[in-house]
Amino acid sequence: MNERDQRIVDVIRSLREGEVVTYGDIADVAGYPKMSRLVGRILATTDDDLPWWRVVNVAGRLVPGNEPEQMALLKGEGVTVASGHVRNAPSGRFGRTTQLRRCDAVVPPASQRRT
C-alpha cells in the first residue's frame, strides 16, 4: 500500500464508535482534500478490516446496496438513520460534535517531514 492510501486507511481506522463522517472529511484529514472518490475506492477494494459503515456521502446517504447492514451497524452505535440517510450521530459531521478531530496516526508526507 502506498503512503497516500495508508494515510487514508489510518484516518478511517481512527474513527470512534458513533462517529460518522463523509468521504471528503476523511480525504481532508488525511491531507488529500478533494479526493473523496479515492476514499470510496479504498473502502470498496481493501482487504483491511475497516469501520466502513461510519463513512457516508456528504448528504448522509448510506452506501447503496449495503443500506440494511450499514443502518444496523450505525443504529447499534447510537446513530439515527431515516430514509437511508444519517440524521444524527453522537459525533462527527452529523452529530453534536461537528468538527472532525485530527488523527494522531496520520503522518505527514515525506516532503513535509523535518529531518
C-alpha atoms as a PDB file:
ATOM      1  CA  MET A   1       0.000   0.000   0.000  1.00  0.00           C
ATOM      2  CA  ASN A   2       1.401   3.410  -0.902  1.00  0.00           C
ATOM      3  CA  GLU A   3       1.804   6.250   1.597  1.00  0.00           C
ATOM      4  CA  ARG A   4      -1.289   8.136   0.405  1.00  0.00           C
ATOM      5  CA  ASP A   5      -3.559   5.119   0.748  1.00  0.00           C
ATOM      6  CA  GLN A   6      -2.043   4.246   4.125  1.00  0.00           C
ATOM      7  CA  ARG A   7      -2.770   7.729   5.469  1.00  0.00           C
ATOM      8  CA  ILE A   8      -6.397   7.414   4.393  1.00  0.00           C
ATOM      9  CA  VAL A   9      -6.682   3.956   5.975  1.00  0.00           C
ATOM     10  CA  ASP A  10      -5.184   5.324   9.217  1.00  0.00           C
ATOM     11  CA  VAL A  11      -7.830   8.066   9.377  1.00  0.00           C
ATOM     12  CA  ILE A  12     -10.639   5.557   8.762  1.00  0.00           C
ATOM     13  CA  ARG A  13      -9.242   3.248  11.454  1.00  0.00           C
ATOM     14  CA  SER A  14      -9.224   6.132  13.926  1.00  0.00           C
ATOM     15  CA  LEU A  15     -12.998   6.680  13.695  1.00  0.00           C
ATOM     16  CA  ARG A  16     -14.680   6.058  17.033  1.00  0.00           C
ATOM     17  CA  GLU A  17     -17.949   4.333  17.763  1.00  0.00           C
ATOM     18  CA  GLY A  18     -20.829   6.629  16.773  1.00  0.00           C
ATOM     19  CA  GLU A  19     -18.588   8.972  14.767  1.00  0.00           C
ATOM     20  CA  VAL A  20     -19.998   9.409  11.257  1.00  0.00           C
ATOM     21  CA  VAL A  21     -18.080  11.377   8.628  1.00  0.00           C
ATOM     22  CA  THR A  22     -18.015  11.823   4.862  1.00  0.00           C
ATOM     23  CA  TYR A  23     -15.606  10.559   2.258  1.00  0.00           C
ATOM     24  CA  GLY A  24     -14.464  14.158   1.835  1.00  0.00           C
ATOM     25  CA  ASP A  25     -13.854  14.556   5.572  1.00  0.00           C
ATOM     26  CA  ILE A  26     -11.555  11.530   5.502  1.00  0.00           C
ATOM     27  CA  ALA A  27      -9.675  12.881   2.479  1.00  0.00           C
ATOM     28  CA  ASP A  28      -9.262  16.309   4.128  1.00  0.00           C
ATOM     29  CA  VAL A  29      -7.933  14.939   7.410  1.00  0.00           C
ATOM     30  CA  ALA A  30      -5.549  12.612   5.582  1.00  0.00           C
ATOM     31  CA  GLY A  31      -4.141  15.613   3.733  1.00  0.00           C
ATOM     32  CA  TYR A  32      -5.737  14.961   0.354  1.00  0.00           C
ATOM     33  CA  PRO A  33      -8.628  17.409   0.019  1.00  0.00           C
ATOM     34  CA  LYS A  34     -10.961  16.902  -2.936  1.00  0.00           C
ATOM     35  CA  MET A  35     -10.025  13.217  -3.195  1.00  0.00           C
ATOM     36  CA  SER A  36     -13.220  11.772  -1.731  1.00  0.00           C
ATOM     37  CA  ARG A  37     -13.534   9.289  -4.597  1.00  0.00           C
ATOM     38  CA  LEU A  38     -10.173   7.829  -3.627  1.00  0.00           C
ATOM     39  CA  VAL A  39     -11.531   7.204  -0.128  1.00  0.00           C
ATOM     40  CA  GLY A  40     -14.506   5.377  -1.641  1.00  0.00           C
ATOM     41  CA  ARG A  41     -12.229   3.287  -3.846  1.00  0.00           C
ATOM     42  CA  ILE A  42     -10.060   2.297  -0.905  1.00  0.00           C
ATOM     43  CA  LEU A  43     -13.096   1.321   1.171  1.00  0.00           C
ATOM     44  CA  ALA A  44     -14.523  -0.702  -1.728  1.00  0.00           C
ATOM     45  CA  THR A  45     -11.332  -2.580  -2.552  1.00  0.00           C
ATOM     46  CA  THR A  46      -9.304  -3.020   0.621  1.00  0.00           C
ATOM     47  CA  ASP A  47      -8.968  -6.333   2.419  1.00  0.00           C
ATOM     48  CA  ASP A  48      -8.321  -4.439   5.693  1.00  0.00           C
ATOM     49  CA  ASP A  49     -10.987  -4.664   8.373  1.00  0.00           C
ATOM     50  CA  LEU A  50     -12.129  -1.024   8.456  1.00  0.00           C
ATOM     51  CA  PRO A  51     -15.210   0.618  10.011  1.00  0.00           C
ATOM     52  CA  TRP A  52     -16.668   1.364   6.557  1.00  0.00           C
ATOM     53  CA  TRP A  53     -20.165   1.891   7.987  1.00  0.00           C
ATOM     54  CA  ARG A  54     -19.024   5.145   9.656  1.00  0.00           C
ATOM     55  CA  VAL A  55     -18.386   6.804   6.285  1.00  0.00           C
ATOM     56  CA  VAL A  56     -21.235   8.236   4.177  1.00  0.00           C
ATOM     57  CA  ASN A  57     -21.617  10.755   1.373  1.00  0.00           C
ATOM     58  CA  VAL A  58     -21.977  14.477   2.043  1.00  0.00           C
ATOM     59  CA  ALA A  59     -25.778  14.200   2.199  1.00  0.00           C
ATOM     60  CA  GLY A  60     -25.524  11.454   4.816  1.00  0.00           C
ATOM     61  CA  ARG A  61     -26.681   8.774   2.364  1.00  0.00           C
ATOM     62  CA  LEU A  62     -25.833   5.202   3.249  1.00  0.00           C
ATOM     63  CA  VAL A  63     -23.773   3.014   0.906  1.00  0.00           C
ATOM     64  CA  PRO A  64     -26.032   1.836  -1.959  1.00  0.00           C
ATOM     65  CA  GLY A  65     -26.542  -1.909  -1.819  1.00  0.00           C
ATOM     66  CA  ASN A  66     -25.419  -2.126   1.804  1.00  0.00           C
ATOM     67  CA  GLU A  67     -28.064   0.054   3.437  1.00  0.00           C
ATOM     68  CA  PRO A  68     -29.614  -2.589   5.751  1.00  0.00           C
ATOM     69  CA  GLU A  69     -26.238  -3.729   7.141  1.00  0.00           C
ATOM     70  CA  GLN A  70     -24.880  -0.185   7.443  1.00  0.00           C
ATOM     71  CA  MET A  71     -28.063   1.026   9.126  1.00  0.00           C
ATOM     72  CA  ALA A  72     -27.956  -1.814  11.670  1.00  0.00           C
ATOM     73  CA  LEU A  73     -24.291  -1.158  12.492  1.00  0.00           C
ATOM     74  CA  LEU A  74     -24.862   2.585  12.850  1.00  0.00           C
ATOM     75  CA  LYS A  75     -28.001   2.187  14.967  1.00  0.00           C
ATOM     76  CA  GLY A  76     -26.001  -0.121  17.233  1.00  0.00           C
ATOM     77  CA  GLU A  77     -23.671   2.833  17.833  1.00  0.00           C
ATOM     78  CA  GLY A  78     -26.464   5.262  18.680  1.00  0.00           C
ATOM     79  CA  VAL A  79     -26.748   6.871  15.236  1.00  0.00           C
ATOM     80  CA  THR A  80     -30.186   7.962  13.986  1.00  0.00           C
ATOM     81  CA  VAL A  81     -30.891   6.791  10.429  1.00  0.00           C
ATOM     82  CA  ALA A  82     -34.075   7.566   8.482  1.00  0.00           C
ATOM     83  CA  SER A  83     -34.947   7.085   4.819  1.00  0.00           C
ATOM     84  CA  GLY A  84     -31.453   5.821   4.040  1.00  0.00           C
ATOM     85  CA  HIS A  85     -29.684   8.884   5.494  1.00  0.00           C
ATOM     86  CA  VAL A  86     -27.858   9.650   8.720  1.00  0.00           C
ATOM     87  CA  ARG A  87     -29.916  12.219  10.631  1.00  0.00           C
ATOM     88  CA  ASN A  88     -27.938  12.443  13.857  1.00  0.00           C
ATOM     89  CA  ALA A  89     -24.824  10.833  15.322  1.00  0.00           C
ATOM     90  CA  PRO A  90     -23.078  11.009  18.681  1.00  0.00           C
ATOM     91  CA  SER A  91     -20.082  12.666  16.969  1.00  0.00           C
ATOM     92  CA  GLY A  92     -18.669  13.608  13.589  1.00  0.00           C
ATOM     93  CA  ARG A  93     -20.273  15.660  10.821  1.00  0.00           C
ATOM     94  CA  PHE A  94     -23.825  14.623  11.682  1.00  0.00           C
ATOM     95  CA  GLY A  95     -23.584  14.994  15.448  1.00  0.00           C
ATOM     96  CA  ARG A  96     -23.301  17.470  18.237  1.00  0.00           C
ATOM     97  CA  THR A  97     -19.514  17.407  17.850  1.00  0.00           C
ATOM     98  CA  THR A  98     -19.306  18.632  14.273  1.00  0.00           C
ATOM     99  CA  GLN A  99     -15.563  19.128  13.936  1.00  0.00           C
ATOM    100  CA  LEU A 100     -13.685  16.061  12.730  1.00  0.00           C
ATOM    101  CA  ARG A 101     -10.718  15.592  15.001  1.00  0.00           C
ATOM    102  CA  ARG A 102      -7.247  15.329  13.601  1.00  0.00           C
ATOM    103  CA  CYS A 103      -5.885  11.815  13.627  1.00  0.00           C
ATOM    104  CA  ASP A 104      -2.620  11.461  15.531  1.00  0.00           C
ATOM    105  CA  ALA A 105      -1.821   8.383  13.462  1.00  0.00           C
ATOM    106  CA  VAL A 106      -1.592  10.396  10.249  1.00  0.00           C
ATOM    107  CA  VAL A 107       1.997  11.005   9.299  1.00  0.00           C
ATOM    108  CA  PRO A 108       2.873  13.999   7.105  1.00  0.00           C
ATOM    109  CA  PRO A 109       4.173  13.214   3.605  1.00  0.00           C
ATOM    110  CA  ALA A 110       7.910  12.645   3.406  1.00  0.00           C
ATOM    111  CA  SER A 111       8.329  16.016   1.656  1.00  0.00           C
ATOM    112  CA  GLN A 112       6.867  17.790   4.716  1.00  0.00           C
ATOM    113  CA  ARG A 113       8.780  15.926   7.426  1.00  0.00           C
ATOM    114  CA  ARG A 114      11.609  17.560   9.270  1.00  0.00           C
ATOM    115  CA  THR A 115      14.875  15.688   9.196  1.00  0.00           C
END
